[in-house]
Amino acid sequence: METGEFHWQDGWYFKRMPEGGVRMRKREASREDAPIVLEVIVDADSWCSIVSHVTAGGEAQSWPVVRALHRGM
């Protein structure tokens, strides 16, 4: 596991990248030395859209708040 990675469960790891995107990795097992079977980087605006869309208020209501939190404003 890299510094700054969050291990959710079942080999899924998340990490905020320097430019603000979020990298998602799936490993064969929940071990840091297990082979990576999938890696996706979601750009910052898309990540904020995903997170705000699944909130109780929905994307239209929470987009500015999520974006500000993600960007550290």
C-alpha atoms as a PDB file:
ATOM      1  CA  MET A   1       0.000   0.000   0.000  1.00  0.00           C
ATOM      2  CA  GLU A   2       1.290   3.439  -0.894  1.00  0.00           C
ATOM      3  CA  THR A   3       1.403   6.353   1.507  1.00  0.00           C
ATOM      4  CA  GLY A   4      -1.936   8.112   1.426  1.00  0.00           C
ATOM      5  CA  GLU A   5      -3.907   5.166   0.067  1.00  0.00           C
ATOM      6  CA  PHE A   6      -7.185   4.237   1.719  1.00  0.00           C
ATOM      7  CA  HIS A   7      -8.012   0.534   1.796  1.00  0.00           C
ATOM      8  CA  TRP A   8     -11.756   0.135   1.716  1.00  0.00           C
ATOM      9  CA  GLN A   9     -12.256  -3.650   1.522  1.00  0.00           C
ATOM     10  CA  ASP A  10     -11.627  -6.692  -0.670  1.00  0.00           C
ATOM     11  CA  GLY A  11      -8.515  -5.228  -2.256  1.00  0.00           C
ATOM     12  CA  TRP A  12      -9.986  -1.834  -3.221  1.00  0.00           C
ATOM     13  CA  TYR A  13      -7.619   1.111  -2.630  1.00  0.00           C
ATOM     14  CA  PHE A  14      -8.271   4.826  -3.159  1.00  0.00           C
ATOM     15  CA  LYS A  15      -5.788   7.697  -3.310  1.00  0.00           C
ATOM     16  CA  ARG A  16      -6.137  11.404  -4.013  1.00  0.00           C
ATOM     17  CA  MET A  17      -3.582  12.356  -6.657  1.00  0.00           C
ATOM     18  CA  PRO A  18      -1.589  15.627  -6.648  1.00  0.00           C
ATOM     19  CA  GLU A  19      -3.741  17.204  -9.399  1.00  0.00           C
ATOM     20  CA  GLY A  20      -6.935  16.359  -7.463  1.00  0.00           C
ATOM     21  CA  GLY A  21      -8.034  13.230  -9.301  1.00  0.00           C
ATOM     22  CA  VAL A  22      -8.708  10.026  -7.397  1.00  0.00           C
ATOM     23  CA  ARG A  23      -6.981   6.769  -8.276  1.00  0.00           C
ATOM     24  CA  MET A  24      -8.877   3.560  -7.615  1.00  0.00           C
ATOM     25  CA  ARG A  25      -7.006   0.278  -7.596  1.00  0.00           C
ATOM     26  CA  LYS A  26      -8.286  -3.248  -7.240  1.00  0.00           C
ATOM     27  CA  ARG A  27      -5.805  -5.856  -6.092  1.00  0.00           C
ATOM     28  CA  GLU A  28      -6.324  -9.613  -6.271  1.00  0.00           C
ATOM     29  CA  ALA A  29      -6.341  -9.684  -2.469  1.00  0.00           C
ATOM     30  CA  SER A  30      -6.275  -7.274   0.455  1.00  0.00           C
ATOM     31  CA  ARG A  31      -2.473  -7.340   0.621  1.00  0.00           C
ATOM     32  CA  GLU A  32      -0.202  -4.524  -0.482  1.00  0.00           C
ATOM     33  CA  ASP A  33       1.954  -6.965  -2.478  1.00  0.00           C
ATOM     34  CA  ALA A  34      -0.986  -8.546  -4.334  1.00  0.00           C
ATOM     35  CA  PRO A  35      -1.057  -7.890  -8.089  1.00  0.00           C
ATOM     36  CA  ILE A  36      -3.118  -4.938  -9.316  1.00  0.00           C
ATOM     37  CA  VAL A  37      -5.932  -6.160 -11.573  1.00  0.00           C
ATOM     38  CA  LEU A  38      -7.594  -2.788 -12.261  1.00  0.00           C
ATOM     39  CA  GLU A  39      -6.506   0.842 -12.009  1.00  0.00           C
ATOM     40  CA  VAL A  40      -8.626   3.880 -12.881  1.00  0.00           C
ATOM     41  CA  ILE A  41      -7.988   7.576 -12.284  1.00  0.00           C
ATOM     42  CA  VAL A  42     -11.097   9.752 -12.065  1.00  0.00           C
ATOM     43  CA  ASP A  43     -10.417  13.454 -12.697  1.00  0.00           C
ATOM     44  CA  ALA A  44     -11.195  15.882  -9.856  1.00  0.00           C
ATOM     45  CA  ASP A  45     -14.395  17.380 -11.286  1.00  0.00           C
ATOM     46  CA  SER A  46     -15.800  13.954 -12.158  1.00  0.00           C
ATOM     47  CA  TRP A  47     -14.966  12.658  -8.663  1.00  0.00           C
ATOM     48  CA  CYS A  48     -16.794  15.630  -7.102  1.00  0.00           C
ATOM     49  CA  SER A  49     -19.749  14.965  -9.382  1.00  0.00           C
ATOM     50  CA  ILE A  50     -19.873  11.292  -8.362  1.00  0.00           C
ATOM     51  CA  VAL A  51     -19.667  12.068  -4.647  1.00  0.00           C
ATOM     52  CA  SER A  52     -22.225  14.874  -4.783  1.00  0.00           C
ATOM     53  CA  HIS A  53     -24.605  12.801  -6.920  1.00  0.00           C
ATOM     54  CA  VAL A  54     -24.871  10.047  -4.288  1.00  0.00           C
ATOM     55  CA  THR A  55     -25.482  12.419  -1.358  1.00  0.00           C
ATOM     56  CA  ALA A  56     -28.958  12.745   0.122  1.00  0.00           C
ATOM     57  CA  GLY A  57     -29.402  16.199  -1.399  1.00  0.00           C
ATOM     58  CA  GLY A  58     -28.207  15.183  -4.829  1.00  0.00           C
ATOM     59  CA  GLU A  59     -25.696  16.769  -7.161  1.00  0.00           C
ATOM     60  CA  ALA A  60     -27.501  20.051  -7.783  1.00  0.00           C
ATOM     61  CA  GLN A  61     -27.622  20.848  -4.065  1.00  0.00           C
ATOM     62  CA  SER A  62     -24.258  19.547  -2.868  1.00  0.00           C
ATOM     63  CA  TRP A  63     -21.870  20.094  -5.832  1.00  0.00           C
ATOM     64  CA  PRO A  64     -20.388  23.397  -4.537  1.00  0.00           C
ATOM     65  CA  VAL A  65     -19.839  21.964  -1.046  1.00  0.00           C
ATOM     66  CA  VAL A  66     -18.234  18.738  -2.276  1.00  0.00           C
ATOM     67  CA  ARG A  67     -16.030  20.620  -4.726  1.00  0.00           C
ATOM     68  CA  ALA A  68     -14.865  23.038  -2.024  1.00  0.00           C
ATOM     69  CA  LEU A  69     -14.087  20.174   0.385  1.00  0.00           C
ATOM     70  CA  HIS A  70     -12.219  18.181  -2.251  1.00  0.00           C
ATOM     71  CA  ARG A  71     -10.140  21.135  -3.377  1.00  0.00           C
ATOM     72  CA  GLY A  72      -9.409  22.210   0.187  1.00  0.00           C
ATOM     73  CA  MET A  73     -11.079  25.596  -0.071  1.00  0.00           C
END
